[in-house]
C-alpha atoms as a PDB file:
ATOM      1  CA  MET A   1      58.652 101.875  64.093  1.00  0.00           C
ATOM      2  CA  SER A   2      59.006  98.379  62.654  1.00  0.00           C
ATOM      3  CA  GLN A   3      61.778  96.060  63.744  1.00  0.00           C
ATOM      4  CA  GLN A   4      63.268  96.186  60.234  1.00  0.00           C
ATOM      5  CA  GLN A   5      63.499  99.984  60.454  1.00  0.00           C
ATOM      6  CA  THR A   6      65.091  99.590  63.865  1.00  0.00           C
ATOM      7  CA  LEU A   7      67.652  97.192  62.392  1.00  0.00           C
ATOM      8  CA  ASN A   8      68.446  99.590  59.546  1.00  0.00           C
ATOM      9  CA  ASN A   9      68.745 102.633  61.814  1.00  0.00           C
ATOM     10  CA  ALA A  10      71.019 100.773  64.212  1.00  0.00           C
ATOM     11  CA  GLU A  11      73.194  99.683  61.305  1.00  0.00           C
ATOM     12  CA  VAL A  12      73.553 103.272  60.106  1.00  0.00           C
ATOM     13  CA  LEU A  13      74.530 104.430  63.582  1.00  0.00           C
ATOM     14  CA  HIS A  14      77.120 101.671  63.892  1.00  0.00           C
ATOM     15  CA  ASN A  15      78.625 102.533  60.522  1.00  0.00           C
ATOM     16  CA  ARG A  16      79.156 106.147  61.578  1.00  0.00           C
ATOM     17  CA  VAL A  17      81.992 105.069  63.885  1.00  0.00           C
ATOM     18  CA  ASP A  18      85.315 106.350  62.590  1.00  0.00           C
ATOM     19  CA  ASP A  19      87.503 103.319  61.860  1.00  0.00           C
ATOM     20  CA  ASN A  20      90.603 105.358  62.672  1.00  0.00           C
ATOM     21  CA  LYS A  21      89.517 105.964  66.239  1.00  0.00           C
ATOM     22  CA  GLU A  22      90.057 103.586  69.118  1.00  0.00           C
ATOM     23  CA  PRO A  23      86.789 101.645  69.669  1.00  0.00           C
ATOM     24  CA  LYS A  24      85.048 102.880  72.783  1.00  0.00           C
ATOM     25  CA  LYS A  25      84.216 100.662  75.724  1.00  0.00           C
ATOM     26  CA  ILE A  26      80.738  99.187  75.545  1.00  0.00           C
ATOM     27  CA  LEU A  27      80.990  97.307  78.869  1.00  0.00           C
ATOM     28  CA  GLU A  28      83.256  97.869  81.858  1.00  0.00           C
ATOM     29  CA  VAL A  29      83.176  95.407  84.753  1.00  0.00           C
ATOM     30  CA  LYS A  30      84.697  96.582  88.052  1.00  0.00           C
ATOM     31  CA  GLY A  31      85.318  94.352  91.040  1.00  0.00           C
ATOM     32  CA  LEU A  32      82.436  91.985  90.282  1.00  0.00           C
ATOM     33  CA  LYS A  33      81.622  89.483  93.010  1.00  0.00           C
ATOM     34  CA  LYS A  34      78.982  86.794  93.159  1.00  0.00           C
ATOM     35  CA  TYR A  35      78.743  84.728  96.343  1.00  0.00           C
ATOM     36  CA  PHE A  36      76.249  81.926  96.928  1.00  0.00           C
ATOM     37  CA  PRO A  37      75.273  81.244 100.564  1.00  0.00           C
ATOM     38  CA  VAL A  38      75.900  77.789 102.042  1.00  0.00           C
ATOM     39  CA  LYS A  39      73.267  77.014 104.664  1.00  0.00           C
ATOM     40  CA  ASN A  40      73.326  74.523 107.501  1.00  0.00           C
ATOM     41  CA  SER A  41      70.562  72.078 108.433  1.00  0.00           C
ATOM     42  CA  ILE A  42      68.460  74.760 110.144  1.00  0.00           C
ATOM     43  CA  GLY A  43      68.719  77.247 107.292  1.00  0.00           C
ATOM     44  CA  LEU A  44      71.388  79.569 108.687  1.00  0.00           C
ATOM     45  CA  THR A  45      74.184  80.762 106.409  1.00  0.00           C
ATOM     46  CA  LYS A  46      77.465  79.237 107.551  1.00  0.00           C
ATOM     47  CA  ASN A  47      79.650  80.092 104.569  1.00  0.00           C
ATOM     48  CA  TYR A  48      79.681  81.405 101.006  1.00  0.00           C
ATOM     49  CA  VAL A  49      80.723  79.901  97.679  1.00  0.00           C
ATOM     50  CA  LYS A  50      82.795  82.643  96.059  1.00  0.00           C
ATOM     51  CA  ALA A  51      81.940  81.869  92.444  1.00  0.00           C
ATOM     52  CA  VAL A  52      83.136  85.249  91.139  1.00  0.00           C
ATOM     53  CA  ASN A  53      85.498  87.089  93.451  1.00  0.00           C
ATOM     54  CA  GLY A  54      86.519  90.587  92.354  1.00  0.00           C
ATOM     55  CA  VAL A  55      86.787  90.323  88.549  1.00  0.00           C
ATOM     56  CA  SER A  56      87.442  93.431  86.424  1.00  0.00           C
ATOM     57  CA  PHE A  57      87.691  93.742  82.640  1.00  0.00           C
ATOM     58  CA  HIS A  58      86.180  95.685  79.749  1.00  0.00           C
ATOM     59  CA  LEU A  59      84.809  95.076  76.260  1.00  0.00           C
ATOM     60  CA  LYS A  60      85.353  97.360  73.291  1.00  0.00           C
ATOM     61  CA  GLU A  61      82.721  97.849  70.609  1.00  0.00           C
ATOM     62  CA  GLY A  62      82.912  95.232  67.876  1.00  0.00           C
ATOM     63  CA  GLU A  63      85.447  92.953  69.574  1.00  0.00           C
ATOM     64  CA  THR A  64      85.248  89.411  70.864  1.00  0.00           C
ATOM     65  CA  TYR A  65      86.524  88.942  74.408  1.00  0.00           C
ATOM     66  CA  GLY A  66      87.252  85.317  75.251  1.00  0.00           C
ATOM     67  CA  LEU A  67      86.850  84.206  78.853  1.00  0.00           C
ATOM     68  CA  VAL A  68      88.500  80.865  79.614  1.00  0.00           C
ATOM     69  CA  GLY A  69      89.267  78.608  82.546  1.00  0.00           C
ATOM     70  CA  GLU A  70      88.613  75.170  83.981  1.00  0.00           C
ATOM     71  CA  SER A  71      85.095  74.020  84.817  1.00  0.00           C
ATOM     72  CA  GLY A  72      83.940  75.642  88.039  1.00  0.00           C
ATOM     73  CA  CYS A  73      86.125  78.761  87.714  1.00  0.00           C
ATOM     74  CA  GLY A  74      83.057  81.036  87.656  1.00  0.00           C
ATOM     75  CA  LYS A  75      83.038  82.169  84.032  1.00  0.00           C
ATOM     76  CA  SER A  76      79.430  81.109  83.294  1.00  0.00           C
ATOM     77  CA  THR A  77      78.241  82.606  86.580  1.00  0.00           C
ATOM     78  CA  LEU A  78      79.920  85.854  85.568  1.00  0.00           C
ATOM     79  CA  GLY A  79      78.041  85.903  82.252  1.00  0.00           C
ATOM     80  CA  ARG A  80      74.688  85.210  83.906  1.00  0.00           C
ATOM     81  CA  THR A  81      75.348  87.865  86.548  1.00  0.00           C
ATOM     82  CA  LEU A  82      76.062  90.494  83.904  1.00  0.00           C
ATOM     83  CA  LEU A  83      72.635  89.851  82.396  1.00  0.00           C
ATOM     84  CA  ARG A  84      71.114  89.889  85.899  1.00  0.00           C
ATOM     85  CA  LEU A  85      69.826  86.348  85.553  1.00  0.00           C
ATOM     86  CA  THR A  86      71.283  86.173  89.040  1.00  0.00           C
ATOM     87  CA  ASP A  87      71.985  89.161  91.313  1.00  0.00           C
ATOM     88  CA  ASN A  88      75.507  90.328  92.035  1.00  0.00           C
ATOM     89  CA  THR A  89      76.999  90.455  95.519  1.00  0.00           C
ATOM     90  CA  GLU A  90      79.255  93.423  94.870  1.00  0.00           C
ATOM     91  CA  GLY A  91      80.816  95.410  92.039  1.00  0.00           C
ATOM     92  CA  GLU A  92      79.759  97.372  88.966  1.00  0.00           C
ATOM     93  CA  ALA A  93      78.988  96.596  85.331  1.00  0.00           C
ATOM     94  CA  ILE A  94      78.865  99.804  83.301  1.00  0.00           C
ATOM     95  CA  PHE A  95      77.061  99.156  80.016  1.00  0.00           C
ATOM     96  CA  GLN A  96      77.035 102.214  77.749  1.00  0.00           C
ATOM     97  CA  GLY A  97      77.373 104.527  80.725  1.00  0.00           C
ATOM     98  CA  ARG A  98      74.828 102.858  83.032  1.00  0.00           C
ATOM     99  CA  ASP A  99      75.484 100.499  85.928  1.00  0.00           C
ATOM    100  CA  LEU A 100      73.409  97.394  85.198  1.00  0.00           C
ATOM    101  CA  PHE A 101      73.164  96.503  88.886  1.00  0.00           C
ATOM    102  CA  LYS A 102      71.516  99.818  89.781  1.00  0.00           C
ATOM    103  CA  LEU A 103      68.751  99.625  87.173  1.00  0.00           C
ATOM    104  CA  THR A 104      65.157  98.904  88.098  1.00  0.00           C
ATOM    105  CA  LYS A 105      63.454  95.821  86.664  1.00  0.00           C
ATOM    106  CA  GLU A 106      61.714  97.935  84.039  1.00  0.00           C
ATOM    107  CA  GLU A 107      64.960  99.693  83.058  1.00  0.00           C
ATOM    108  CA  MET A 108      66.742  96.346  82.869  1.00  0.00           C
ATOM    109  CA  ARG A 109      63.958  94.979  80.699  1.00  0.00           C
ATOM    110  CA  LYS A 110      64.616  97.745  78.164  1.00  0.00           C
ATOM    111  CA  ILE A 111      68.382  97.203  78.331  1.00  0.00           C
ATOM    112  CA  ARG A 112      67.867  93.558  77.362  1.00  0.00           C
ATOM    113  CA  LEU A 113      66.983  94.790  73.887  1.00  0.00           C
ATOM    114  CA  GLU A 114      70.707  95.477  73.580  1.00  0.00           C
ATOM    115  CA  MET A 115      72.079  92.522  75.574  1.00  0.00           C
ATOM    116  CA  GLN A 116      71.311  88.918  74.724  1.00  0.00           C
ATOM    117  CA  MET A 117      72.683  85.471  75.508  1.00  0.00           C
ATOM    118  CA  VAL A 118      73.389  82.256  73.611  1.00  0.00           C
ATOM    119  CA  PHE A 119      73.250  79.374  76.076  1.00  0.00           C
ATOM    120  CA  GLN A 120      75.454  76.309  76.321  1.00  0.00           C
ATOM    121  CA  ASP A 121      72.833  73.591  75.853  1.00  0.00           C
ATOM    122  CA  PRO A 122      70.960  74.202  72.585  1.00  0.00           C
ATOM    123  CA  TYR A 123      68.152  71.832  73.586  1.00  0.00           C
ATOM    124  CA  SER A 124      67.273  72.737  77.179  1.00  0.00           C
ATOM    125  CA  SER A 125      67.349  76.455  76.307  1.00  0.00           C
ATOM    126  CA  LEU A 126      64.476  75.973  73.820  1.00  0.00           C
ATOM    127  CA  ASN A 127      60.870  75.338  74.871  1.00  0.00           C
ATOM    128  CA  PRO A 128      60.068  71.840  73.525  1.00  0.00           C
ATOM    129  CA  ARG A 129      56.341  72.639  73.324  1.00  0.00           C
ATOM    130  CA  LYS A 130      56.731  75.614  71.016  1.00  0.00           C
ATOM    131  CA  ARG A 131      57.477  75.816  67.324  1.00  0.00           C
ATOM    132  CA  ILE A 132      60.729  77.567  66.536  1.00  0.00           C
ATOM    133  CA  GLY A 133      58.895  80.426  64.862  1.00  0.00           C
ATOM    134  CA  ASP A 134      57.133  81.152  68.153  1.00  0.00           C
ATOM    135  CA  ILE A 135      60.397  80.775  70.096  1.00  0.00           C
ATOM    136  CA  ILE A 136      62.190  83.342  67.922  1.00  0.00           C
ATOM    137  CA  GLU A 137      59.168  85.655  67.857  1.00  0.00           C
ATOM    138  CA  GLU A 138      58.712  85.665  71.647  1.00  0.00           C
ATOM    139  CA  PRO A 139      61.366  88.347  72.413  1.00  0.00           C
ATOM    140  CA  MET A 140      59.728  90.708  69.900  1.00  0.00           C
ATOM    141  CA  ARG A 141      56.280  90.082  71.411  1.00  0.00           C
ATOM    142  CA  ILE A 142      57.615  90.765  74.916  1.00  0.00           C
ATOM    143  CA  HIS A 143      59.066  94.093  73.779  1.00  0.00           C
ATOM    144  CA  ASN A 144      56.023  94.998  71.610  1.00  0.00           C
ATOM    145  CA  ILE A 145      58.022  95.225  68.398  1.00  0.00           C
ATOM    146  CA  GLY A 146      56.135  95.363  65.094  1.00  0.00           C
ATOM    147  CA  THR A 147      52.937  93.704  63.951  1.00  0.00           C
ATOM    148  CA  LYS A 148      52.510  89.954  63.559  1.00  0.00           C
ATOM    149  CA  SER A 149      53.245  90.092  59.829  1.00  0.00           C
ATOM    150  CA  GLU A 150      56.308  92.314  60.369  1.00  0.00           C
ATOM    151  CA  ARG A 151      57.651  89.937  62.995  1.00  0.00           C
ATOM    152  CA  ILE A 152      57.200  86.907  60.748  1.00  0.00           C
ATOM    153  CA  LYS A 153      59.023  88.690  57.925  1.00  0.00           C
ATOM    154  CA  ILE A 154      61.947  89.488  60.230  1.00  0.00           C
ATOM    155  CA  ILE A 155      62.063  85.888  61.500  1.00  0.00           C
ATOM    156  CA  MET A 156      62.226  84.553  57.948  1.00  0.00           C
ATOM    157  CA  GLU A 157      65.152  86.862  57.215  1.00  0.00           C
ATOM    158  CA  ILE A 158      66.950  85.876  60.432  1.00  0.00           C
ATOM    159  CA  LEU A 159      66.438  82.157  59.710  1.00  0.00           C
ATOM    160  CA  GLU A 160      68.119  82.607  56.365  1.00  0.00           C
ATOM    161  CA  LYS A 161      71.033  84.491  57.939  1.00  0.00           C
ATOM    162  CA  VAL A 162      71.704  81.646  60.408  1.00  0.00           C
ATOM    163  CA  GLY A 163      71.516  78.953  57.739  1.00  0.00           C
ATOM    164  CA  LEU A 164      67.994  77.608  58.279  1.00  0.00           C
ATOM    165  CA  GLN A 165      65.104  77.278  55.823  1.00  0.00           C
ATOM    166  CA  PRO A 166      61.847  79.306  56.008  1.00  0.00           C
ATOM    167  CA  GLU A 167      59.744  76.111  56.046  1.00  0.00           C
ATOM    168  CA  GLN A 168      61.433  75.134  59.299  1.00  0.00           C
ATOM    169  CA  PHE A 169      59.509  77.969  60.980  1.00  0.00           C
ATOM    170  CA  TYR A 170      56.746  75.518  61.959  1.00  0.00           C
ATOM    171  CA  ARG A 171      58.886  72.681  63.345  1.00  0.00           C
ATOM    172  CA  TYR A 172      59.609  71.816  66.974  1.00  0.00           C
ATOM    173  CA  PRO A 173      63.060  71.769  68.608  1.00  0.00           C
ATOM    174  CA  HIS A 174      63.220  67.954  68.783  1.00  0.00           C
ATOM    175  CA  GLU A 175      63.088  67.815  64.977  1.00  0.00           C
ATOM    176  CA  PHE A 176      66.485  69.506  64.688  1.00  0.00           C
ATOM    177  CA  SER A 177      70.064  68.422  65.234  1.00  0.00           C
ATOM    178  CA  GLY A 178      72.229  69.971  67.955  1.00  0.00           C
ATOM    179  CA  GLY A 179      73.924  72.341  65.525  1.00  0.00           C
ATOM    180  CA  GLN A 180      70.589  73.440  64.078  1.00  0.00           C
ATOM    181  CA  ARG A 181      69.200  74.065  67.571  1.00  0.00           C
ATOM    182  CA  GLN A 182      72.156  76.288  68.354  1.00  0.00           C
ATOM    183  CA  ARG A 183      71.442  78.200  65.145  1.00  0.00           C
ATOM    184  CA  ILE A 184      67.917  78.719  66.476  1.00  0.00           C
ATOM    185  CA  GLY A 185      69.361  80.022  69.735  1.00  0.00           C
ATOM    186  CA  ILE A 186      71.555  82.454  67.797  1.00  0.00           C
ATOM    187  CA  ALA A 187      68.546  83.571  65.741  1.00  0.00           C
ATOM    188  CA  ARG A 188      66.589  84.249  68.935  1.00  0.00           C
ATOM    189  CA  ALA A 189      69.470  86.390  70.221  1.00  0.00           C
ATOM    190  CA  LEU A 190      69.786  88.307  66.946  1.00  0.00           C
ATOM    191  CA  VAL A 191      66.129  89.110  66.444  1.00  0.00           C
ATOM    192  CA  LEU A 192      66.217  92.108  68.817  1.00  0.00           C
ATOM    193  CA  ASN A 193      69.337  93.506  67.099  1.00  0.00           C
ATOM    194  CA  PRO A 194      71.429  93.636  70.295  1.00  0.00           C
ATOM    195  CA  LYS A 195      74.801  95.315  70.645  1.00  0.00           C
ATOM    196  CA  LEU A 196      76.282  92.732  73.038  1.00  0.00           C
ATOM    197  CA  ILE A 197      75.831  88.961  73.031  1.00  0.00           C
ATOM    198  CA  ILE A 198      77.150  86.781  75.832  1.00  0.00           C
ATOM    199  CA  CYS A 199      77.988  83.362  74.377  1.00  0.00           C
ATOM    200  CA  ASP A 200      78.103  80.837  77.218  1.00  0.00           C
ATOM    201  CA  GLU A 201      80.115  77.903  75.831  1.00  0.00           C
ATOM    202  CA  PRO A 202      77.972  77.894  72.669  1.00  0.00           C
ATOM    203  CA  VAL A 203      79.840  75.027  70.963  1.00  0.00           C
ATOM    204  CA  SER A 204      80.919  72.782  73.851  1.00  0.00           C
ATOM    205  CA  ALA A 205      77.857  70.513  73.482  1.00  0.00           C
ATOM    206  CA  LEU A 206      78.346  70.073  69.717  1.00  0.00           C
ATOM    207  CA  ASP A 207      80.374  67.684  67.578  1.00  0.00           C
ATOM    208  CA  VAL A 208      83.775  68.993  66.517  1.00  0.00           C
ATOM    209  CA  SER A 209      82.737  69.208  62.855  1.00  0.00           C
ATOM    210  CA  ILE A 210      79.696  71.301  63.809  1.00  0.00           C
ATOM    211  CA  GLN A 211      81.663  73.550  66.165  1.00  0.00           C
ATOM    212  CA  SER A 212      83.562  75.163  63.310  1.00  0.00           C
ATOM    213  CA  GLN A 213      80.307  75.866  61.451  1.00  0.00           C
ATOM    214  CA  ILE A 214      78.791  77.634  64.466  1.00  0.00           C
ATOM    215  CA  ILE A 215      82.001  79.612  65.089  1.00  0.00           C
ATOM    216  CA  ASN A 216      82.038  80.738  61.455  1.00  0.00           C
ATOM    217  CA  LEU A 217      78.357  81.687  61.726  1.00  0.00           C
ATOM    218  CA  LEU A 218      79.024  83.773  64.846  1.00  0.00           C
ATOM    219  CA  GLU A 219      81.812  85.616  63.005  1.00  0.00           C
ATOM    220  CA  GLU A 220      79.584  86.245  59.986  1.00  0.00           C
ATOM    221  CA  VAL A 221      76.686  87.695  61.956  1.00  0.00           C
ATOM    222  CA  GLN A 222      79.123  89.728  64.068  1.00  0.00           C
ATOM    223  CA  ASP A 223      80.219  91.541  60.900  1.00  0.00           C
ATOM    224  CA  GLN A 224      76.669  91.922  59.605  1.00  0.00           C
ATOM    225  CA  PHE A 225      75.111  93.186  62.841  1.00  0.00           C
ATOM    226  CA  LYS A 226      78.177  94.988  64.288  1.00  0.00           C
ATOM    227  CA  LEU A 227      78.081  92.855  67.436  1.00  0.00           C
ATOM    228  CA  THR A 228      80.300  92.656  70.488  1.00  0.00           C
ATOM    229  CA  TYR A 229      80.814  89.196  72.023  1.00  0.00           C
ATOM    230  CA  LEU A 230      81.735  87.983  75.471  1.00  0.00           C
ATOM    231  CA  PHE A 231      82.719  84.446  74.465  1.00  0.00           C
ATOM    232  CA  ILE A 232      82.880  82.028  77.410  1.00  0.00           C
ATOM    233  CA  ALA A 233      84.605  78.688  76.770  1.00  0.00           C
ATOM    234  CA  HIS A 234      87.074  76.147  78.072  1.00  0.00           C
ATOM    235  CA  ASP A 235      88.372  75.026  74.664  1.00  0.00           C
ATOM    236  CA  LEU A 236      91.438  77.188  74.063  1.00  0.00           C
ATOM    237  CA  SER A 237      91.640  76.263  70.380  1.00  0.00           C
ATOM    238  CA  VAL A 238      88.145  77.626  69.771  1.00  0.00           C
ATOM    239  CA  VAL A 239      88.818  80.755  71.805  1.00  0.00           C
ATOM    240  CA  ARG A 240      91.984  81.517  69.861  1.00  0.00           C
ATOM    241  CA  HIS A 241      90.127  81.340  66.570  1.00  0.00           C
ATOM    242  CA  ILE A 242      87.365  83.796  67.470  1.00  0.00           C
ATOM    243  CA  SER A 243      88.758  86.136  70.161  1.00  0.00           C
ATOM    244  CA  ASP A 244      90.535  89.487  69.936  1.00  0.00           C
ATOM    245  CA  ARG A 245      91.463  89.516  73.635  1.00  0.00           C
ATOM    246  CA  ILE A 246      91.377  86.779  76.257  1.00  0.00           C
ATOM    247  CA  GLY A 247      90.934  86.713  80.018  1.00  0.00           C
ATOM    248  CA  VAL A 248      91.974  83.631  82.017  1.00  0.00           C
ATOM    249  CA  MET A 249      89.967  82.863  85.173  1.00  0.00           C
ATOM    250  CA  TYR A 250      90.819  80.548  88.048  1.00  0.00           C
ATOM    251  CA  LEU A 251      88.639  79.966  91.114  1.00  0.00           C
ATOM    252  CA  GLY A 252      86.620  83.139  90.602  1.00  0.00           C
ATOM    253  CA  LYS A 253      89.545  85.476  89.880  1.00  0.00           C
ATOM    254  CA  MET A 254      91.178  86.891  86.764  1.00  0.00           C
ATOM    255  CA  MET A 255      94.731  85.585  86.489  1.00  0.00           C
ATOM    256  CA  GLU A 256      95.859  86.934  83.120  1.00  0.00           C
ATOM    257  CA  GLU A 257      94.545  89.110  80.312  1.00  0.00           C
ATOM    258  CA  ALA A 258      96.109  89.931  76.951  1.00  0.00           C
ATOM    259  CA  ASN A 259      95.579  90.194  73.223  1.00  0.00           C
ATOM    260  CA  THR A 260      95.054  86.747  71.740  1.00  0.00           C
ATOM    261  CA  ASP A 261      98.384  86.491  69.907  1.00  0.00           C
ATOM    262  CA  ASP A 262     100.329  87.784  72.905  1.00  0.00           C
ATOM    263  CA  LEU A 263      98.674  85.320  75.266  1.00  0.00           C
ATOM    264  CA  TYR A 264      99.324  82.281  73.081  1.00  0.00           C
ATOM    265  CA  GLU A 265     102.857  83.230  72.089  1.00  0.00           C
ATOM    266  CA  ASN A 266     103.996  84.449  75.496  1.00  0.00           C
ATOM    267  CA  PRO A 267     101.811  83.241  78.395  1.00  0.00           C
ATOM    268  CA  LEU A 268     103.148  84.725  81.633  1.00  0.00           C
ATOM    269  CA  HIS A 269     101.036  83.131  84.362  1.00  0.00           C
ATOM    270  CA  PRO A 270     101.894  79.507  85.306  1.00  0.00           C
ATOM    271  CA  TYR A 271      98.205  78.592  85.121  1.00  0.00           C
ATOM    272  CA  THR A 272      97.899  79.933  81.566  1.00  0.00           C
ATOM    273  CA  GLN A 273     101.099  78.122  80.604  1.00  0.00           C
ATOM    274  CA  ALA A 274      99.665  74.850  81.914  1.00  0.00           C
ATOM    275  CA  LEU A 275      96.388  75.334  80.048  1.00  0.00           C
ATOM    276  CA  LEU A 276      98.120  76.096  76.759  1.00  0.00           C
ATOM    277  CA  SER A 277     100.499  73.151  77.119  1.00  0.00           C
ATOM    278  CA  ALA A 278      97.475  70.843  76.949  1.00  0.00           C
ATOM    279  CA  VAL A 279      96.268  72.214  73.598  1.00  0.00           C
ATOM    280  CA  PRO A 280      97.087  69.760  70.767  1.00  0.00           C
ATOM    281  CA  HIS A 281      99.346  71.156  68.048  1.00  0.00           C
ATOM    282  CA  PRO A 282      98.098  70.705  64.448  1.00  0.00           C
ATOM    283  CA  ASP A 283     101.569  69.575  63.363  1.00  0.00           C
ATOM    284  CA  PRO A 284     102.116  66.040  64.802  1.00  0.00           C
ATOM    285  CA  THR A 285     105.887  66.339  64.392  1.00  0.00           C
ATOM    286  CA  ILE A 286     106.031  69.178  66.931  1.00  0.00           C
ATOM    287  CA  LYS A 287     106.155  67.938  70.507  1.00  0.00           C
ATOM    288  CA  ARG A 288     105.017  70.358  73.154  1.00  0.00           C
ATOM    289  CA  GLU A 289     106.187  69.990  76.730  1.00  0.00           C
ATOM    290  CA  ARG A 290     103.154  69.225  78.844  1.00  0.00           C
ATOM    291  CA  ILE A 291     102.868  71.025  82.187  1.00  0.00           C
ATOM    292  CA  ALA A 292     100.892  68.778  84.507  1.00  0.00           C
ATOM    293  CA  LEU A 293      99.214  70.475  87.449  1.00  0.00           C
ATOM    294  CA  THR A 294      99.157  68.380  90.606  1.00  0.00           C
ATOM    295  CA  GLY A 295      96.457  68.424  93.247  1.00  0.00           C
ATOM    296  CA  GLU A 296      92.757  69.211  93.135  1.00  0.00           C
ATOM    297  CA  ILE A 297      91.151  72.595  92.525  1.00  0.00           C
ATOM    298  CA  PRO A 298      90.431  74.112  95.975  1.00  0.00           C
ATOM    299  CA  SER A 299      86.845  74.673  97.049  1.00  0.00           C
ATOM    300  CA  PRO A 300      85.477  78.133  96.135  1.00  0.00           C
ATOM    301  CA  SER A 301      83.830  78.175  99.567  1.00  0.00           C
ATOM    302  CA  ASN A 302      87.246  77.862 101.231  1.00  0.00           C
ATOM    303  CA  PRO A 303      89.875  79.298  98.855  1.00  0.00           C
ATOM    304  CA  PRO A 304      93.534  79.202  99.959  1.00  0.00           C
ATOM    305  CA  SER A 305      95.211  82.264 101.413  1.00  0.00           C
ATOM    306  CA  GLY A 306      97.588  84.372  99.361  1.00  0.00           C
ATOM    307  CA  CYS A 307      97.576  83.452  95.700  1.00  0.00           C
ATOM    308  CA  ILE A 308      94.650  81.091  95.120  1.00  0.00           C
ATOM    309  CA  PHE A 309      96.738  79.126  92.600  1.00  0.00           C
ATOM    310  CA  HIS A 310      99.685  78.453  94.931  1.00  0.00           C
ATOM    311  CA  THR A 311      98.448  74.965  95.943  1.00  0.00           C
ATOM    312  CA  ARG A 312      98.970  73.755  92.348  1.00  0.00           C
ATOM    313  CA  CYS A 313     101.675  76.098  91.074  1.00  0.00           C
ATOM    314  CA  PRO A 314     105.038  74.526  90.079  1.00  0.00           C
ATOM    315  CA  TYR A 315     106.840  77.797  90.938  1.00  0.00           C
ATOM    316  CA  VAL A 316     105.264  78.449  94.344  1.00  0.00           C
ATOM    317  CA  MET A 317     107.219  80.691  96.753  1.00  0.00           C
ATOM    318  CA  ASP A 318     106.654  81.547 100.421  1.00  0.00           C
ATOM    319  CA  GLU A 319     105.229  84.922  99.398  1.00  0.00           C
ATOM    320  CA  CYS A 320     102.574  83.184  97.295  1.00  0.00           C
ATOM    321  CA  LYS A 321     101.157  81.435 100.368  1.00  0.00           C
ATOM    322  CA  THR A 322     100.554  84.613 102.354  1.00  0.00           C
ATOM    323  CA  THR A 323     100.153  87.574  99.977  1.00  0.00           C
ATOM    324  CA  GLU A 324      97.547  87.859  97.249  1.00  0.00           C
ATOM    325  CA  PRO A 325      99.131  89.160  94.015  1.00  0.00           C
ATOM    326  CA  VAL A 326      97.762  92.330  92.436  1.00  0.00           C
ATOM    327  CA  ILE A 327      97.073  92.188  88.720  1.00  0.00           C
ATOM    328  CA  LYS A 328      99.604  94.368  86.878  1.00  0.00           C
ATOM    329  CA  GLU A 329     100.317  95.422  83.304  1.00  0.00           C
ATOM    330  CA  ILE A 330     103.565  93.481  82.901  1.00  0.00           C
ATOM    331  CA  GLN A 331     103.821  94.193  79.191  1.00  0.00           C
ATOM    332  CA  LYS A 332     101.817  96.568  77.034  1.00  0.00           C
ATOM    333  CA  ASP A 333      98.153  95.462  77.239  1.00  0.00           C
ATOM    334  CA  HIS A 334      99.249  92.264  78.988  1.00  0.00           C
ATOM    335  CA  PHE A 335      98.030  91.955  82.582  1.00  0.00           C
ATOM    336  CA  VAL A 336      99.083  89.263  85.062  1.00  0.00           C
ATOM    337  CA  ALA A 337      98.393  88.524  88.735  1.00  0.00           C
ATOM    338  CA  CYS A 338     101.525  86.649  89.809  1.00  0.00           C
ATOM    339  CA  HIS A 339     104.430  87.208  92.210  1.00  0.00           C
ATOM    340  CA  LEU A 340     106.858  85.920  89.581  1.00  0.00           C
ATOM    341  CA  HIS A 341     106.389  89.227  87.753  1.00  0.00           C
ATOM    342  CA  LYS A 342     107.247  92.156  90.006  1.00  0.00           C
ATOM    343  CA  THR A 343     107.837  95.016  87.561  1.00  0.00           C
ATOM    344  CA  SER A 344     104.924  96.459  85.636  1.00  0.00           C
ATOM    345  CA  TYR A 345     105.063  97.847  82.117  1.00  0.00           C
ATOM    346  CA  LEU A 346     104.319 101.328  83.457  1.00  0.00           C
ATOM    347  CA  ASP A 347     107.204 101.132  85.947  1.00  0.00           C
ATOM    348  CA  GLU A 348     109.662 100.287  83.188  1.00  0.00           C
ATOM    349  CA  SER A 349     108.426 103.069  80.933  1.00  0.00           C
END
């Protein structure tokens, strides 16, 4: 079967989904942990960097889930772990009914037809010695999809969809701008017709004017290819524009999760409130009260006891220093891990 037939068949299957039904979960992450060993001078492990420390969330088919947080919170490590670019320490990632961490290398290789990644740096993620046609074709060659002529035809179609010209097939990465390189990265991810794409800060290395173009492109191809995105970023303005739901991470843990409008209009966790207070408002006449967090982010190799945010929280209580908060559904579809919110939505109902 040619890749074009595969694309068409997949599109038909996607379109069979009843719009009136709740979209089913395509990915469910449960208690994911990723620890990196810290070794001493003689090579013995003396500690662990807890980059991702018990994160749970899910993605529904066709949605964009934004994952935000400060640099070093573990969001990029989480994305790479889901694709098994690095092994997990603990936890599950159920993708269409199968735990990714229990698959063999050969099984995982087949799953990668349906899971792809767009990397943060559009230059270092492309081989500088290869023409972009070869770069985009490589995934199809690895998975033995189509003949040479069929693959070239598909590449030409994909180039057009991402806003590039067919004659650019023969150029090298250094001949393109940053925005064009990221379009190439998106084309490489699309060529296998995946169901899930993990976007690891795909616009953070680009000029502001180019960022909006790439975001619009991602939304366009999401509609065309019926894609699901895990969108990792630290720019809350960008995340608001593209995401249906948002998860807020801090020091390897999920602090808050809600629908995009709910999170921005009514942030419940002090950390989320501080992040949103730093987002510039488009109306210069509106002054937003800035919440300044004091102190440094603790080391992920030695996180504080209790709530990991208590060392910087303006509302810290004695309980926060000793007891780790459990994430609860405080309002409908709005989850928070904070001692300030005792009663869950389910308790009230």
